[in-house]
Amino acid sequence: MGAGPAAMAGEAPIDDERKAHLRHLVKQDCGSCHGLTMRGGLGPPITPEALAQRDRETMVYTVLYGRPGTPMPPWSSILTEQEARWIVDLLYEGDL
């Protein structure tokens, strides 16, 4: 992931401490709606199988800006685009 667009734009890589915090955020905050195993709850499942037909860029946008008219909140006030992209990659890979 270090050679992605954010890294090429001069943005510092996400350090291990921040990655641990982001994993916790996904499990606690995302898990509160999408289920602790990400298999769905109030929100839809966000497992690799459920995301297989979804565009990653759309998912990054959804993480950052939410989905108006739904309970999905925007996270852009606490996440950078690089962090949102890293989270989406984890979800697609099932690496939580």
N, C-alpha and C. Protein backbone atom coordinates (compact mmCIF):
# COMPACT_ATOMS: atom_id res chain seq x y z
N MET A 1 0.81 -1.19 0.00
CA MET A 1 0.00 0.00 0.00
C MET A 1 0.85 1.26 0.00
N GLY A 2 2.13 1.15 0.30
CA GLY A 2 2.98 2.31 0.38
C GLY A 2 3.17 3.05 -0.92
N ALA A 3 2.86 2.45 -2.04
CA ALA A 3 3.05 3.11 -3.33
C ALA A 3 1.74 3.64 -3.89
N GLY A 4 0.72 3.75 -3.06
CA GLY A 4 -0.58 4.25 -3.51
C GLY A 4 -0.54 5.74 -3.77
N PRO A 5 -1.65 6.30 -4.26
CA PRO A 5 -1.71 7.71 -4.60
C PRO A 5 -1.37 8.63 -3.44
N ALA A 6 -1.80 8.32 -2.23
CA ALA A 6 -1.51 9.18 -1.09
C ALA A 6 -0.02 9.22 -0.81
N ALA A 7 0.64 8.08 -0.88
CA ALA A 7 2.08 8.03 -0.62
C ALA A 7 2.82 8.81 -1.70
N MET A 8 2.36 8.69 -2.94
CA MET A 8 3.02 9.40 -4.03
C MET A 8 2.80 10.90 -3.91
N ALA A 9 1.72 11.33 -3.27
CA ALA A 9 1.43 12.75 -3.12
C ALA A 9 2.24 13.36 -1.98
N GLY A 10 3.08 12.58 -1.33
CA GLY A 10 3.92 13.09 -0.27
C GLY A 10 3.33 12.94 1.12
N GLU A 11 2.19 12.30 1.24
CA GLU A 11 1.58 12.08 2.54
C GLU A 11 2.36 10.99 3.27
N ALA A 12 2.63 11.23 4.54
CA ALA A 12 3.38 10.25 5.33
C ALA A 12 2.60 8.95 5.46
N PRO A 13 3.29 7.82 5.48
CA PRO A 13 2.61 6.54 5.68
C PRO A 13 1.91 6.52 7.04
N ILE A 14 0.90 5.70 7.15
CA ILE A 14 0.18 5.55 8.42
C ILE A 14 1.05 4.71 9.35
N ASP A 15 1.36 5.25 10.53
CA ASP A 15 2.23 4.50 11.44
C ASP A 15 1.46 3.40 12.16
N ASP A 16 2.20 2.48 12.77
CA ASP A 16 1.60 1.30 13.40
C ASP A 16 0.63 1.65 14.52
N GLU A 17 0.95 2.68 15.29
CA GLU A 17 0.05 3.08 16.38
C GLU A 17 -1.29 3.57 15.81
N ARG A 18 -1.24 4.36 14.75
CA ARG A 18 -2.48 4.85 14.13
C ARG A 18 -3.25 3.69 13.49
N LYS A 19 -2.54 2.76 12.87
CA LYS A 19 -3.21 1.58 12.29
C LYS A 19 -3.95 0.80 13.36
N ALA A 20 -3.34 0.64 14.53
CA ALA A 20 -4.00 -0.06 15.63
C ALA A 20 -5.26 0.70 16.06
N HIS A 21 -5.16 2.02 16.12
CA HIS A 21 -6.32 2.84 16.47
C HIS A 21 -7.42 2.70 15.42
N LEU A 22 -7.04 2.69 14.15
CA LEU A 22 -8.03 2.55 13.07
C LEU A 22 -8.70 1.19 13.10
N ARG A 23 -7.95 0.14 13.37
CA ARG A 23 -8.55 -1.20 13.50
C ARG A 23 -9.58 -1.21 14.63
N HIS A 24 -9.22 -0.59 15.75
CA HIS A 24 -10.15 -0.50 16.88
C HIS A 24 -11.40 0.29 16.48
N LEU A 25 -11.22 1.39 15.78
CA LEU A 25 -12.34 2.20 15.30
C LEU A 25 -13.28 1.37 14.44
N VAL A 26 -12.72 0.60 13.51
CA VAL A 26 -13.55 -0.23 12.63
C VAL A 26 -14.33 -1.24 13.45
N LYS A 27 -13.65 -1.93 14.35
CA LYS A 27 -14.32 -2.97 15.14
C LYS A 27 -15.40 -2.39 16.05
N GLN A 28 -15.12 -1.26 16.68
CA GLN A 28 -16.07 -0.69 17.63
C GLN A 28 -17.14 0.16 16.95
N ASP A 29 -16.72 1.12 16.15
CA ASP A 29 -17.67 2.06 15.57
C ASP A 29 -18.38 1.49 14.35
N CYS A 30 -17.65 0.93 13.42
CA CYS A 30 -18.30 0.32 12.25
C CYS A 30 -19.08 -0.92 12.69
N GLY A 31 -18.48 -1.68 13.61
CA GLY A 31 -19.11 -2.90 14.09
C GLY A 31 -20.41 -2.66 14.82
N SER A 32 -20.59 -1.47 15.39
CA SER A 32 -21.83 -1.19 16.11
C SER A 32 -23.04 -1.19 15.17
N CYS A 33 -22.84 -0.89 13.91
CA CYS A 33 -23.94 -0.93 12.93
C CYS A 33 -23.83 -2.13 11.97
N HIS A 34 -22.62 -2.42 11.56
CA HIS A 34 -22.41 -3.47 10.55
C HIS A 34 -22.21 -4.85 11.18
N GLY A 35 -22.27 -4.92 12.51
CA GLY A 35 -22.09 -6.18 13.21
C GLY A 35 -20.63 -6.37 13.59
N LEU A 36 -20.39 -6.95 14.74
CA LEU A 36 -19.02 -7.12 15.21
C LEU A 36 -18.18 -8.00 14.30
N THR A 37 -18.82 -8.85 13.51
CA THR A 37 -18.09 -9.66 12.52
C THR A 37 -18.25 -9.08 11.12
N MET A 38 -18.83 -7.89 11.03
CA MET A 38 -19.04 -7.15 9.78
C MET A 38 -20.01 -7.86 8.84
N ARG A 39 -20.79 -8.79 9.37
CA ARG A 39 -21.73 -9.56 8.54
C ARG A 39 -23.11 -8.92 8.47
N GLY A 40 -23.23 -7.71 8.98
CA GLY A 40 -24.49 -6.98 8.89
C GLY A 40 -25.19 -6.85 10.22
N GLY A 41 -26.01 -5.86 10.31
CA GLY A 41 -26.79 -5.54 11.49
C GLY A 41 -27.74 -4.45 11.05
N LEU A 42 -27.67 -3.29 11.70
CA LEU A 42 -28.42 -2.13 11.24
C LEU A 42 -27.95 -1.76 9.83
N GLY A 43 -26.64 -1.82 9.63
CA GLY A 43 -26.05 -1.56 8.32
C GLY A 43 -25.81 -2.86 7.57
N PRO A 44 -25.55 -2.76 6.28
CA PRO A 44 -25.33 -3.97 5.48
C PRO A 44 -23.99 -4.64 5.83
N PRO A 45 -23.82 -5.89 5.41
CA PRO A 45 -22.53 -6.55 5.64
C PRO A 45 -21.41 -5.85 4.88
N ILE A 46 -20.23 -5.84 5.48
CA ILE A 46 -19.05 -5.26 4.82
C ILE A 46 -17.89 -6.26 4.86
N THR A 47 -18.23 -7.50 4.58
CA THR A 47 -17.24 -8.57 4.47
C THR A 47 -16.67 -8.56 3.05
N PRO A 48 -15.54 -9.23 2.82
CA PRO A 48 -15.00 -9.29 1.46
C PRO A 48 -16.02 -9.82 0.45
N GLU A 49 -16.79 -10.81 0.85
CA GLU A 49 -17.79 -11.39 -0.06
C GLU A 49 -18.87 -10.36 -0.41
N ALA A 50 -19.31 -9.62 0.58
CA ALA A 50 -20.36 -8.62 0.36
C ALA A 50 -19.85 -7.44 -0.46
N LEU A 51 -18.55 -7.16 -0.37
CA LEU A 51 -17.98 -6.01 -1.07
C LEU A 51 -17.45 -6.37 -2.46
N ALA A 52 -17.40 -7.63 -2.79
CA ALA A 52 -16.75 -8.09 -4.03
C ALA A 52 -17.23 -7.37 -5.28
N GLN A 53 -18.51 -7.03 -5.35
CA GLN A 53 -19.05 -6.39 -6.54
C GLN A 53 -19.13 -4.87 -6.40
N ARG A 54 -18.61 -4.34 -5.31
CA ARG A 54 -18.66 -2.89 -5.08
C ARG A 54 -17.33 -2.24 -5.44
N ASP A 55 -17.42 -1.06 -5.97
CA ASP A 55 -16.25 -0.27 -6.36
C ASP A 55 -15.54 0.29 -5.12
N ARG A 56 -14.24 0.10 -5.03
CA ARG A 56 -13.49 0.57 -3.87
C ARG A 56 -13.55 2.08 -3.72
N GLU A 57 -13.47 2.81 -4.82
CA GLU A 57 -13.51 4.27 -4.73
C GLU A 57 -14.83 4.75 -4.13
N THR A 58 -15.92 4.08 -4.50
CA THR A 58 -17.22 4.42 -3.94
C THR A 58 -17.23 4.15 -2.45
N MET A 59 -16.60 3.07 -2.04
CA MET A 59 -16.55 2.73 -0.62
C MET A 59 -15.71 3.76 0.16
N VAL A 60 -14.60 4.21 -0.41
CA VAL A 60 -13.79 5.24 0.24
C VAL A 60 -14.63 6.50 0.41
N TYR A 61 -15.34 6.89 -0.64
CA TYR A 61 -16.20 8.06 -0.58
C TYR A 61 -17.27 7.90 0.50
N THR A 62 -17.86 6.71 0.58
CA THR A 62 -18.90 6.44 1.58
C THR A 62 -18.34 6.55 2.99
N VAL A 63 -17.16 6.01 3.21
CA VAL A 63 -16.53 6.11 4.54
C VAL A 63 -16.31 7.59 4.89
N LEU A 64 -15.81 8.35 3.95
CA LEU A 64 -15.49 9.75 4.23
C LEU A 64 -16.73 10.63 4.38
N TYR A 65 -17.73 10.43 3.53
CA TYR A 65 -18.85 11.38 3.45
C TYR A 65 -20.20 10.80 3.85
N GLY A 66 -20.24 9.53 4.23
CA GLY A 66 -21.48 8.92 4.67
C GLY A 66 -22.46 8.71 3.53
N ARG A 67 -23.68 8.38 3.90
CA ARG A 67 -24.76 8.18 2.93
C ARG A 67 -25.97 8.96 3.43
N PRO A 68 -26.20 10.14 2.86
CA PRO A 68 -27.35 10.94 3.30
C PRO A 68 -28.65 10.13 3.23
N GLY A 69 -29.49 10.34 4.22
CA GLY A 69 -30.76 9.63 4.28
C GLY A 69 -30.67 8.26 4.91
N THR A 70 -29.47 7.88 5.35
CA THR A 70 -29.26 6.60 6.02
C THR A 70 -28.52 6.86 7.33
N PRO A 71 -28.40 5.87 8.20
CA PRO A 71 -27.63 6.06 9.44
C PRO A 71 -26.11 6.14 9.22
N MET A 72 -25.62 5.90 7.99
CA MET A 72 -24.17 5.92 7.74
C MET A 72 -23.64 7.34 7.85
N PRO A 73 -22.81 7.61 8.91
CA PRO A 73 -22.29 8.96 9.11
C PRO A 73 -21.03 9.22 8.29
N PRO A 74 -20.70 10.49 8.09
CA PRO A 74 -19.42 10.82 7.47
C PRO A 74 -18.30 10.72 8.51
N TRP A 75 -17.14 10.26 8.09
CA TRP A 75 -16.00 10.14 8.99
C TRP A 75 -14.86 11.07 8.59
N SER A 76 -15.10 11.97 7.64
CA SER A 76 -14.03 12.85 7.15
C SER A 76 -13.49 13.80 8.21
N SER A 77 -14.22 14.01 9.29
CA SER A 77 -13.72 14.90 10.34
C SER A 77 -12.61 14.24 11.18
N ILE A 78 -12.53 12.90 11.13
CA ILE A 78 -11.50 12.23 11.92
C ILE A 78 -10.59 11.32 11.10
N LEU A 79 -10.90 11.13 9.81
CA LEU A 79 -10.08 10.28 8.94
C LEU A 79 -9.59 11.06 7.74
N THR A 80 -8.35 10.80 7.36
CA THR A 80 -7.86 11.34 6.09
C THR A 80 -8.32 10.41 4.97
N GLU A 81 -8.18 10.86 3.75
CA GLU A 81 -8.51 9.98 2.62
C GLU A 81 -7.62 8.75 2.63
N GLN A 82 -6.35 8.93 2.95
CA GLN A 82 -5.42 7.80 3.01
C GLN A 82 -5.87 6.78 4.05
N GLU A 83 -6.33 7.24 5.21
CA GLU A 83 -6.80 6.33 6.26
C GLU A 83 -8.07 5.62 5.83
N ALA A 84 -8.98 6.35 5.19
CA ALA A 84 -10.22 5.73 4.71
C ALA A 84 -9.89 4.66 3.68
N ARG A 85 -8.95 4.94 2.80
CA ARG A 85 -8.55 3.97 1.78
C ARG A 85 -7.92 2.73 2.44
N TRP A 86 -7.12 2.93 3.47
CA TRP A 86 -6.49 1.83 4.19
C TRP A 86 -7.56 0.96 4.84
N ILE A 87 -8.56 1.58 5.46
CA ILE A 87 -9.67 0.85 6.08
C ILE A 87 -10.42 0.05 5.03
N VAL A 88 -10.74 0.68 3.91
CA VAL A 88 -11.47 -0.02 2.84
C VAL A 88 -10.65 -1.21 2.34
N ASP A 89 -9.35 -1.03 2.19
CA ASP A 89 -8.51 -2.16 1.77
C ASP A 89 -8.59 -3.30 2.78
N LEU A 90 -8.57 -2.98 4.08
CA LEU A 90 -8.71 -4.02 5.11
C LEU A 90 -10.03 -4.77 4.96
N LEU A 91 -11.10 -4.02 4.73
CA LEU A 91 -12.42 -4.65 4.59
C LEU A 91 -12.46 -5.57 3.37
N TYR A 92 -11.91 -5.12 2.25
CA TYR A 92 -11.91 -5.94 1.04
C TYR A 92 -11.05 -7.19 1.21
N GLU A 93 -9.99 -7.07 2.01
CA GLU A 93 -9.09 -8.21 2.22
C GLU A 93 -9.55 -9.10 3.38
N GLY A 94 -10.50 -8.62 4.18
CA GLY A 94 -10.94 -9.38 5.35
C GLY A 94 -9.88 -9.46 6.42
N ASP A 95 -9.08 -8.41 6.53
CA ASP A 95 -7.91 -8.42 7.40
C ASP A 95 -8.13 -7.63 8.69
N LEU A 96 -9.24 -7.89 9.36
CA LEU A 96 -9.50 -7.17 10.61
C LEU A 96 -9.14 -7.97 11.82
